[in-house]
Amino acid sequence: MKKSNARILFLTHAALIAALYVVLTYIANMLGIASGAIQVRFSEALTILPYFTPAAIPGLFAGCLLANLLTGAALPDIVFGSIATLIGALLTAKLRHNKYLAPVPPILANAIIVPPMLLFAYGIKPLWLSYITVTIGEVISCGVLGMLLLFALEKSMKRFFAELPFAYTNMPMAKR
C-alpha cells in the first residue's frame, strides 16, 4: 500500500472513531449521564481502541474535544477533559501488550484530572466526592463497557484490523 493511501486510511479511521465518540456522547447526554459530578459516557468505552490501532489516539482526542464543544461544556472541561482522554489513549497504546490493562489509563487519567476541573469550572463540591463519582463512572464506562467492546472486537480482529498497515495486529495472540 502506498504511503499516502496508508495516511488517508489512518485519518479516515481516526475521523470515524471521533464521530462515533461524539454520537455516543450525545446519546449519554440525552440520558443526562454524560456530564456533571456523576458521568457515564458510553463513548469512553472507545478508549480501549488504542489497544488495536494508533488511529484511535487522535480519534479519541478529537472526538472528546468535539463532544465537549457540541454539548456546551465549559472551556476548562473542553480543554482538560480532552487532555485526560488523550493521556488515557496514549498510555493505553503503550500498555497494549496486556489487554487487561487497556482500560486502566483512561480511568486513572479521568479520575485524577476531571474532579478538580469540575470544581473549578462548575463549582461541583465536595472535591472528594467528585473523585469517587468520576472514578466509578469511568470504571463503568472504560472498565466494564470498554472491556466488553475489547473482547467483542478481539473475536473479529482480523476482519476489522488485519488489513490496516498501522494496526497492532502483528502481536502474538498469546500476549494479548
C-alpha atoms as a PDB file:
ATOM      1  CA  MET A   1       0.000   0.000   0.000  1.00  0.00           C
ATOM      2  CA  LYS A   2       1.285   3.464  -0.872  1.00  0.00           C
ATOM      3  CA  LYS A   3       2.310   5.714   1.993  1.00  0.00           C
ATOM      4  CA  SER A   4      -0.251   8.360   1.001  1.00  0.00           C
ATOM      5  CA  ASN A   5      -3.031   5.757   0.937  1.00  0.00           C
ATOM      6  CA  ALA A   6      -1.994   4.498   4.366  1.00  0.00           C
ATOM      7  CA  ARG A   7      -2.077   8.069   5.694  1.00  0.00           C
ATOM      8  CA  ILE A   8      -5.564   8.633   4.252  1.00  0.00           C
ATOM      9  CA  LEU A   9      -6.761   5.350   5.751  1.00  0.00           C
ATOM     10  CA  PHE A  10      -5.267   6.311   9.124  1.00  0.00           C
ATOM     11  CA  LEU A  11      -7.020   9.708   9.073  1.00  0.00           C
ATOM     12  CA  THR A  12     -10.279   8.091   7.973  1.00  0.00           C
ATOM     13  CA  HIS A  13     -10.164   5.659  10.884  1.00  0.00           C
ATOM     14  CA  ALA A  14      -9.348   8.465  13.311  1.00  0.00           C
ATOM     15  CA  ALA A  15     -12.268  10.507  11.943  1.00  0.00           C
ATOM     16  CA  LEU A  16     -14.663   7.556  12.242  1.00  0.00           C
ATOM     17  CA  ILE A  17     -13.624   6.986  15.845  1.00  0.00           C
ATOM     18  CA  ALA A  18     -14.061  10.709  16.574  1.00  0.00           C
ATOM     19  CA  ALA A  19     -17.529  10.694  15.016  1.00  0.00           C
ATOM     20  CA  LEU A  20     -18.536   7.594  16.963  1.00  0.00           C
ATOM     21  CA  TYR A  21     -17.287   9.196  20.177  1.00  0.00           C
ATOM     22  CA  VAL A  22     -19.430  12.289  19.510  1.00  0.00           C
ATOM     23  CA  VAL A  23     -22.550  10.245  18.715  1.00  0.00           C
ATOM     24  CA  LEU A  24     -22.180   8.056  21.801  1.00  0.00           C
ATOM     25  CA  THR A  25     -21.608  11.135  23.974  1.00  0.00           C
ATOM     26  CA  TYR A  26     -24.768  12.698  22.547  1.00  0.00           C
ATOM     27  CA  ILE A  27     -26.747   9.579  23.481  1.00  0.00           C
ATOM     28  CA  ALA A  28     -25.401   9.683  27.044  1.00  0.00           C
ATOM     29  CA  ASN A  29     -26.065  13.436  27.111  1.00  0.00           C
ATOM     30  CA  MET A  30     -29.714  12.884  26.112  1.00  0.00           C
ATOM     31  CA  LEU A  31     -29.986  10.472  29.037  1.00  0.00           C
ATOM     32  CA  GLY A  32     -28.421  13.085  31.344  1.00  0.00           C
ATOM     33  CA  ILE A  33     -25.370  10.987  32.253  1.00  0.00           C
ATOM     34  CA  ALA A  34     -22.630  12.496  30.046  1.00  0.00           C
ATOM     35  CA  SER A  35     -21.505  15.339  32.297  1.00  0.00           C
ATOM     36  CA  GLY A  36     -21.541  16.622  35.840  1.00  0.00           C
ATOM     37  CA  ALA A  37     -20.430  15.001  39.076  1.00  0.00           C
ATOM     38  CA  ILE A  38     -21.781  11.602  38.023  1.00  0.00           C
ATOM     39  CA  GLN A  39     -20.998  10.773  34.423  1.00  0.00           C
ATOM     40  CA  VAL A  40     -21.128   7.561  32.466  1.00  0.00           C
ATOM     41  CA  ARG A  41     -20.207   8.302  28.875  1.00  0.00           C
ATOM     42  CA  PHE A  42     -20.757   5.339  26.585  1.00  0.00           C
ATOM     43  CA  SER A  43     -18.136   6.950  24.358  1.00  0.00           C
ATOM     44  CA  GLU A  44     -15.459   6.335  26.985  1.00  0.00           C
ATOM     45  CA  ALA A  45     -15.730   2.611  26.193  1.00  0.00           C
ATOM     46  CA  LEU A  46     -13.915   3.503  22.968  1.00  0.00           C
ATOM     47  CA  THR A  47     -10.812   4.386  24.980  1.00  0.00           C
ATOM     48  CA  ILE A  48      -9.720   0.749  24.655  1.00  0.00           C
ATOM     49  CA  LEU A  49      -9.307   1.182  20.882  1.00  0.00           C
ATOM     50  CA  PRO A  50      -5.623   2.244  21.124  1.00  0.00           C
ATOM     51  CA  TYR A  51      -5.065  -1.389  22.134  1.00  0.00           C
ATOM     52  CA  PHE A  52      -5.828  -2.228  18.488  1.00  0.00           C
ATOM     53  CA  THR A  53      -4.807   0.811  16.457  1.00  0.00           C
ATOM     54  CA  PRO A  54      -2.851   4.040  16.884  1.00  0.00           C
ATOM     55  CA  ALA A  55      -5.510   5.821  14.773  1.00  0.00           C
ATOM     56  CA  ALA A  56      -7.677   5.741  17.895  1.00  0.00           C
ATOM     57  CA  ILE A  57      -5.386   8.196  19.704  1.00  0.00           C
ATOM     58  CA  PRO A  58      -6.145  11.292  17.591  1.00  0.00           C
ATOM     59  CA  GLY A  59      -9.671   9.997  17.007  1.00  0.00           C
ATOM     60  CA  LEU A  60     -10.482   9.834  20.708  1.00  0.00           C
ATOM     61  CA  PHE A  61      -8.901  13.220  21.388  1.00  0.00           C
ATOM     62  CA  ALA A  62     -10.777  14.910  18.537  1.00  0.00           C
ATOM     63  CA  GLY A  63     -13.997  13.113  19.457  1.00  0.00           C
ATOM     64  CA  CYS A  64     -13.814  14.191  23.086  1.00  0.00           C
ATOM     65  CA  LEU A  65     -12.941  17.755  22.103  1.00  0.00           C
ATOM     66  CA  LEU A  66     -15.858  17.948  19.632  1.00  0.00           C
ATOM     67  CA  ALA A  67     -18.298  16.258  22.002  1.00  0.00           C
ATOM     68  CA  ASN A  68     -17.423  18.683  24.789  1.00  0.00           C
ATOM     69  CA  LEU A  69     -17.732  21.653  22.441  1.00  0.00           C
ATOM     70  CA  LEU A  70     -21.037  20.487  20.967  1.00  0.00           C
ATOM     71  CA  THR A  71     -22.655  19.621  24.301  1.00  0.00           C
ATOM     72  CA  GLY A  72     -21.927  23.072  25.728  1.00  0.00           C
ATOM     73  CA  ALA A  73     -19.206  22.188  28.208  1.00  0.00           C
ATOM     74  CA  ALA A  74     -17.271  24.943  29.958  1.00  0.00           C
ATOM     75  CA  LEU A  75     -13.880  25.853  28.469  1.00  0.00           C
ATOM     76  CA  PRO A  76     -11.848  24.129  31.245  1.00  0.00           C
ATOM     77  CA  ASP A  77     -13.925  20.973  30.649  1.00  0.00           C
ATOM     78  CA  ILE A  78     -13.296  21.162  26.905  1.00  0.00           C
ATOM     79  CA  VAL A  79      -9.552  21.551  27.424  1.00  0.00           C
ATOM     80  CA  PHE A  80      -8.823  19.324  30.421  1.00  0.00           C
ATOM     81  CA  GLY A  81     -11.406  16.640  29.641  1.00  0.00           C
ATOM     82  CA  SER A  82      -9.921  16.257  26.175  1.00  0.00           C
ATOM     83  CA  ILE A  83      -6.388  16.191  27.590  1.00  0.00           C
ATOM     84  CA  ALA A  84      -7.421  13.450  30.044  1.00  0.00           C
ATOM     85  CA  THR A  85      -8.772  11.396  27.144  1.00  0.00           C
ATOM     86  CA  LEU A  86      -5.588  11.980  25.131  1.00  0.00           C
ATOM     87  CA  ILE A  87      -3.372  10.912  28.044  1.00  0.00           C
ATOM     88  CA  GLY A  88      -5.515   7.813  28.587  1.00  0.00           C
ATOM     89  CA  ALA A  89      -5.338   6.915  24.883  1.00  0.00           C
ATOM     90  CA  LEU A  90      -1.559   7.383  24.689  1.00  0.00           C
ATOM     91  CA  LEU A  91      -0.955   5.240  27.762  1.00  0.00           C
ATOM     92  CA  THR A  92      -3.401   2.558  26.590  1.00  0.00           C
ATOM     93  CA  ALA A  93      -1.347   2.232  23.392  1.00  0.00           C
ATOM     94  CA  LYS A  94       1.824   1.903  25.488  1.00  0.00           C
ATOM     95  CA  LEU A  95       0.244  -0.871  27.587  1.00  0.00           C
ATOM     96  CA  ARG A  96      -1.231  -2.746  24.611  1.00  0.00           C
ATOM     97  CA  HIS A  97       0.731  -5.903  25.373  1.00  0.00           C
ATOM     98  CA  ASN A  98      -1.706  -6.737  28.158  1.00  0.00           C
ATOM     99  CA  LYS A  99      -5.363  -6.371  27.209  1.00  0.00           C
ATOM    100  CA  TYR A 100      -6.473  -6.307  30.845  1.00  0.00           C
ATOM    101  CA  LEU A 101      -4.560  -3.062  31.362  1.00  0.00           C
ATOM    102  CA  ALA A 102      -6.276  -1.307  28.423  1.00  0.00           C
ATOM    103  CA  PRO A 103      -8.964   0.458  30.494  1.00  0.00           C
ATOM    104  CA  VAL A 104      -6.658   1.458  33.357  1.00  0.00           C
ATOM    105  CA  PRO A 105      -5.001   4.573  31.817  1.00  0.00           C
ATOM    106  CA  PRO A 106      -8.259   6.328  30.828  1.00  0.00           C
ATOM    107  CA  ILE A 107      -9.798   5.505  34.203  1.00  0.00           C
ATOM    108  CA  LEU A 108      -6.802   6.956  36.063  1.00  0.00           C
ATOM    109  CA  ALA A 109      -6.357   9.980  33.775  1.00  0.00           C
ATOM    110  CA  ASN A 110     -10.001  10.989  34.153  1.00  0.00           C
ATOM    111  CA  ALA A 111     -10.126  10.155  37.869  1.00  0.00           C
ATOM    112  CA  ILE A 112      -7.159  12.460  38.505  1.00  0.00           C
ATOM    113  CA  ILE A 113      -7.833  15.320  36.049  1.00  0.00           C
ATOM    114  CA  VAL A 114     -11.633  15.664  35.901  1.00  0.00           C
ATOM    115  CA  PRO A 115     -12.645  16.207  39.582  1.00  0.00           C
ATOM    116  CA  PRO A 116     -10.552  19.379  40.128  1.00  0.00           C
ATOM    117  CA  MET A 117     -11.780  20.645  36.756  1.00  0.00           C
ATOM    118  CA  LEU A 118     -15.406  20.059  37.854  1.00  0.00           C
ATOM    119  CA  LEU A 119     -14.767  22.119  40.962  1.00  0.00           C
ATOM    120  CA  PHE A 120     -13.042  24.929  39.051  1.00  0.00           C
ATOM    121  CA  ALA A 121     -15.359  25.030  36.007  1.00  0.00           C
ATOM    122  CA  TYR A 122     -18.732  24.209  37.552  1.00  0.00           C
ATOM    123  CA  GLY A 123     -18.287  24.644  41.313  1.00  0.00           C
ATOM    124  CA  ILE A 124     -19.176  21.000  41.963  1.00  0.00           C
ATOM    125  CA  LYS A 125     -18.381  20.220  45.607  1.00  0.00           C
ATOM    126  CA  PRO A 126     -17.111  18.454  47.607  1.00  0.00           C
ATOM    127  CA  LEU A 127     -13.979  17.559  45.671  1.00  0.00           C
ATOM    128  CA  TRP A 128     -13.519  14.223  47.442  1.00  0.00           C
ATOM    129  CA  LEU A 129     -16.988  13.122  46.297  1.00  0.00           C
ATOM    130  CA  SER A 130     -16.165  14.054  42.691  1.00  0.00           C
ATOM    131  CA  TYR A 131     -13.089  11.827  42.873  1.00  0.00           C
ATOM    132  CA  ILE A 132     -15.334   8.930  43.876  1.00  0.00           C
ATOM    133  CA  THR A 133     -18.163   9.554  41.400  1.00  0.00           C
ATOM    134  CA  VAL A 134     -15.908  10.256  38.410  1.00  0.00           C
ATOM    135  CA  THR A 135     -13.860   7.138  39.152  1.00  0.00           C
ATOM    136  CA  ILE A 136     -16.999   4.999  39.420  1.00  0.00           C
ATOM    137  CA  GLY A 137     -18.321   6.412  36.136  1.00  0.00           C
ATOM    138  CA  GLU A 138     -15.013   5.694  34.412  1.00  0.00           C
ATOM    139  CA  VAL A 139     -14.859   2.161  35.804  1.00  0.00           C
ATOM    140  CA  ILE A 140     -18.331   1.550  34.340  1.00  0.00           C
ATOM    141  CA  SER A 141     -17.537   3.242  31.005  1.00  0.00           C
ATOM    142  CA  CYS A 142     -13.964   2.064  30.427  1.00  0.00           C
ATOM    143  CA  GLY A 143     -13.611  -0.923  32.708  1.00  0.00           C
ATOM    144  CA  VAL A 144     -16.907  -2.674  32.073  1.00  0.00           C
ATOM    145  CA  LEU A 145     -18.211  -1.381  28.731  1.00  0.00           C
ATOM    146  CA  GLY A 146     -14.706  -0.907  27.314  1.00  0.00           C
ATOM    147  CA  MET A 147     -13.630  -4.439  28.147  1.00  0.00           C
ATOM    148  CA  LEU A 148     -16.851  -5.844  26.681  1.00  0.00           C
ATOM    149  CA  LEU A 149     -16.021  -3.935  23.495  1.00  0.00           C
ATOM    150  CA  LEU A 150     -12.417  -5.158  23.561  1.00  0.00           C
ATOM    151  CA  PHE A 151     -13.474  -8.800  23.844  1.00  0.00           C
ATOM    152  CA  ALA A 152     -16.056  -8.374  21.072  1.00  0.00           C
ATOM    153  CA  LEU A 153     -13.536  -6.720  18.743  1.00  0.00           C
ATOM    154  CA  GLU A 154     -10.825  -9.225  19.588  1.00  0.00           C
ATOM    155  CA  LYS A 155     -13.010 -12.058  18.289  1.00  0.00           C
ATOM    156  CA  SER A 156     -13.295 -10.396  14.898  1.00  0.00           C
ATOM    157  CA  MET A 157      -9.940  -8.606  14.971  1.00  0.00           C
ATOM    158  CA  LYS A 158      -8.779  -9.900  11.603  1.00  0.00           C
ATOM    159  CA  ARG A 159     -11.875  -8.563   9.885  1.00  0.00           C
ATOM    160  CA  PHE A 160     -11.565  -5.089  11.436  1.00  0.00           C
ATOM    161  CA  PHE A 161      -7.824  -4.552  11.729  1.00  0.00           C
ATOM    162  CA  ALA A 162      -5.780  -7.133   9.742  1.00  0.00           C
ATOM    163  CA  GLU A 163      -5.581  -5.130   6.505  1.00  0.00           C
ATOM    164  CA  LEU A 164      -4.553  -1.898   8.201  1.00  0.00           C
ATOM    165  CA  PRO A 165      -0.874  -1.115   7.727  1.00  0.00           C
ATOM    166  CA  PHE A 166      -0.852   0.797  11.010  1.00  0.00           C
ATOM    167  CA  ALA A 167      -2.830  -1.571  13.266  1.00  0.00           C
ATOM    168  CA  TYR A 168      -1.237  -3.523  16.104  1.00  0.00           C
ATOM    169  CA  THR A 169      -2.178  -6.889  14.641  1.00  0.00           C
ATOM    170  CA  ASN A 170       1.358  -8.247  14.492  1.00  0.00           C
ATOM    171  CA  MET A 171       1.439  -9.123  18.195  1.00  0.00           C
ATOM    172  CA  PRO A 172       1.106 -12.796  19.021  1.00  0.00           C
ATOM    173  CA  MET A 173      -2.357 -13.616  20.322  1.00  0.00           C
ATOM    174  CA  ALA A 174      -0.842 -15.206  23.435  1.00  0.00           C
ATOM    175  CA  LYS A 175       0.403 -11.804  24.557  1.00  0.00           C
ATOM    176  CA  ARG A 176      -2.963 -10.118  24.082  1.00  0.00           C
END
